[in-house]
C-alpha cells in the first residue's frame, strides 16, 4: 500500500502551492511537476530545478533519484525549488 502525502512547494521567490505526492515517488518527479505548475502560471522561469527540504529554517538539498520518504519528506513538509547549475561543455 502506498501513502499519499500533501506537501507545500515554494518557488525561489517564496510563492507557495500545495501538491499531493506519493511518499515513494522520486524527488525529481515532484520537482518536475512543481516546476511545470509554476512555469505555467508565470511564477517561475523555465529551467532545471531540484528540491530542498526546509528543516528548522535551513534548506537541505534532496537527491533527485531518492524517494521522498528516504529524504525525510512527510505530510505537510515544506520544500523549495532551487535552480540547478547549468551544464557547460569543456
C-alpha atoms as a PDB file:
ATOM      1  CA  UNK A   1       0.000   0.000   0.000  1.00  0.00           C
ATOM      2  CA  UNK A   2       1.320   3.423  -0.899  1.00  0.00           C
ATOM      3  CA  UNK A   3       0.794   6.583   1.056  1.00  0.00           C
ATOM      4  CA  UNK A   4      -0.200   9.894  -0.444  1.00  0.00           C
ATOM      5  CA  UNK A   5       1.048  12.960   1.335  1.00  0.00           C
ATOM      6  CA  UNK A   6       0.338  16.654   0.953  1.00  0.00           C
ATOM      7  CA  UNK A   7       3.355  18.948   0.814  1.00  0.00           C
ATOM      8  CA  UNK A   8       3.953  22.616   0.154  1.00  0.00           C
ATOM      9  CA  UNK A   9       6.403  23.523  -2.595  1.00  0.00           C
ATOM     10  CA  UNK A  10       7.696  27.076  -2.913  1.00  0.00           C
ATOM     11  CA  UNK A  11       9.459  28.867  -5.728  1.00  0.00           C
ATOM     12  CA  UNK A  12      12.836  30.500  -5.036  1.00  0.00           C
ATOM     13  CA  UNK A  13      10.839  33.765  -4.659  1.00  0.00           C
ATOM     14  CA  UNK A  14       8.666  32.102  -1.973  1.00  0.00           C
ATOM     15  CA  UNK A  15       5.436  31.596  -3.974  1.00  0.00           C
ATOM     16  CA  UNK A  16       3.739  28.539  -2.368  1.00  0.00           C
ATOM     17  CA  UNK A  17       1.467  25.828  -3.726  1.00  0.00           C
ATOM     18  CA  UNK A  18       0.127  22.592  -2.262  1.00  0.00           C
ATOM     19  CA  UNK A  19       0.883  19.296  -4.007  1.00  0.00           C
ATOM     20  CA  UNK A  20      -0.159  15.709  -3.389  1.00  0.00           C
ATOM     21  CA  UNK A  21       2.570  13.135  -3.880  1.00  0.00           C
ATOM     22  CA  UNK A  22       3.219   9.506  -3.145  1.00  0.00           C
ATOM     23  CA  UNK A  23       5.884   9.141  -0.473  1.00  0.00           C
ATOM     24  CA  UNK A  24       7.582   6.503  -2.670  1.00  0.00           C
ATOM     25  CA  UNK A  25       7.797   8.982  -5.582  1.00  0.00           C
ATOM     26  CA  UNK A  26      11.242  10.128  -6.661  1.00  0.00           C
ATOM     27  CA  UNK A  27      12.275  13.665  -5.732  1.00  0.00           C
ATOM     28  CA  UNK A  28      12.847  14.518  -9.413  1.00  0.00           C
ATOM     29  CA  UNK A  29       9.225  13.619 -10.265  1.00  0.00           C
ATOM     30  CA  UNK A  30       7.791  16.074  -7.745  1.00  0.00           C
ATOM     31  CA  UNK A  31      10.338  18.724  -8.791  1.00  0.00           C
ATOM     32  CA  UNK A  32       9.285  18.392 -12.453  1.00  0.00           C
ATOM     33  CA  UNK A  33       5.576  18.510 -11.570  1.00  0.00           C
ATOM     34  CA  UNK A  34       6.007  21.606  -9.376  1.00  0.00           C
ATOM     35  CA  UNK A  35       8.229  23.320 -11.974  1.00  0.00           C
ATOM     36  CA  UNK A  36       5.606  22.801 -14.697  1.00  0.00           C
ATOM     37  CA  UNK A  37       2.870  24.121 -12.390  1.00  0.00           C
ATOM     38  CA  UNK A  38       4.754  27.332 -11.542  1.00  0.00           C
ATOM     39  CA  UNK A  39       6.048  27.946 -15.092  1.00  0.00           C
ATOM     40  CA  UNK A  40       2.512  27.574 -16.485  1.00  0.00           C
ATOM     41  CA  UNK A  41       1.348  30.262 -14.053  1.00  0.00           C
ATOM     42  CA  UNK A  42       4.321  32.505 -14.930  1.00  0.00           C
ATOM     43  CA  UNK A  43       5.617  32.356 -11.354  1.00  0.00           C
ATOM     44  CA  UNK A  44       8.880  30.675 -12.353  1.00  0.00           C
ATOM     45  CA  UNK A  45      11.215  30.848 -15.320  1.00  0.00           C
ATOM     46  CA  UNK A  46      11.878  27.802 -17.481  1.00  0.00           C
ATOM     47  CA  UNK A  47      14.851  25.763 -16.356  1.00  0.00           C
ATOM     48  CA  UNK A  48      16.066  22.758 -14.431  1.00  0.00           C
ATOM     49  CA  UNK A  49      15.145  22.712 -10.747  1.00  0.00           C
ATOM     50  CA  UNK A  50      15.789  20.441  -7.810  1.00  0.00           C
ATOM     51  CA  UNK A  51      14.128  20.422  -4.390  1.00  0.00           C
ATOM     52  CA  UNK A  52      15.351  21.308  -0.922  1.00  0.00           C
ATOM     53  CA  UNK A  53      13.562  20.382   2.295  1.00  0.00           C
ATOM     54  CA  UNK A  54      13.083  23.183   4.834  1.00  0.00           C
ATOM     55  CA  UNK A  55      14.116  21.983   8.287  1.00  0.00           C
ATOM     56  CA  UNK A  56      14.406  24.429  11.187  1.00  0.00           C
ATOM     57  CA  UNK A  57      14.770  27.338   8.763  1.00  0.00           C
ATOM     58  CA  UNK A  58      17.520  25.656   6.749  1.00  0.00           C
ATOM     59  CA  UNK A  59      17.041  24.302   3.227  1.00  0.00           C
ATOM     60  CA  UNK A  60      18.641  20.863   2.772  1.00  0.00           C
ATOM     61  CA  UNK A  61      19.098  19.825  -0.885  1.00  0.00           C
ATOM     62  CA  UNK A  62      17.477  16.496  -1.778  1.00  0.00           C
ATOM     63  CA  UNK A  63      18.927  13.877  -4.116  1.00  0.00           C
ATOM     64  CA  UNK A  64      16.936  13.752  -7.375  1.00  0.00           C
ATOM     65  CA  UNK A  65      16.938   9.959  -7.579  1.00  0.00           C
ATOM     66  CA  UNK A  66      15.927   9.370  -3.937  1.00  0.00           C
ATOM     67  CA  UNK A  67      12.372   8.598  -2.897  1.00  0.00           C
ATOM     68  CA  UNK A  68      10.588  11.322  -0.926  1.00  0.00           C
ATOM     69  CA  UNK A  69      10.313   9.147   2.187  1.00  0.00           C
ATOM     70  CA  UNK A  70      14.044   8.311   2.032  1.00  0.00           C
ATOM     71  CA  UNK A  71      14.803  12.036   2.232  1.00  0.00           C
ATOM     72  CA  UNK A  72      12.506  12.598   5.219  1.00  0.00           C
ATOM     73  CA  UNK A  73       9.678  14.247   3.281  1.00  0.00           C
ATOM     74  CA  UNK A  74       6.368  13.640   5.060  1.00  0.00           C
ATOM     75  CA  UNK A  75       2.856  15.045   5.329  1.00  0.00           C
ATOM     76  CA  UNK A  76       2.928  18.878   5.416  1.00  0.00           C
ATOM     77  CA  UNK A  77       6.657  19.140   4.666  1.00  0.00           C
ATOM     78  CA  UNK A  78       7.763  22.406   3.076  1.00  0.00           C
ATOM     79  CA  UNK A  79      10.026  22.135   0.038  1.00  0.00           C
ATOM     80  CA  UNK A  80      11.704  24.827  -2.027  1.00  0.00           C
ATOM     81  CA  UNK A  81      12.601  24.640  -5.707  1.00  0.00           C
ATOM     82  CA  UNK A  82      16.251  25.502  -6.380  1.00  0.00           C
ATOM     83  CA  UNK A  83      17.803  26.180  -9.748  1.00  0.00           C
ATOM     84  CA  UNK A  84      20.292  23.554 -10.843  1.00  0.00           C
ATOM     85  CA  UNK A  85      23.601  24.811 -12.202  1.00  0.00           C
ATOM     86  CA  UNK A  86      23.720  24.908 -15.968  1.00  0.00           C
ATOM     87  CA  UNK A  87      25.886  22.253 -17.543  1.00  0.00           C
ATOM     88  CA  UNK A  88      28.701  23.621 -19.646  1.00  0.00           C
ATOM     89  CA  UNK A  89      30.803  21.919 -22.264  1.00  0.00           C
ATOM     90  CA  UNK A  90      34.501  21.771 -21.728  1.00  0.00           C
END
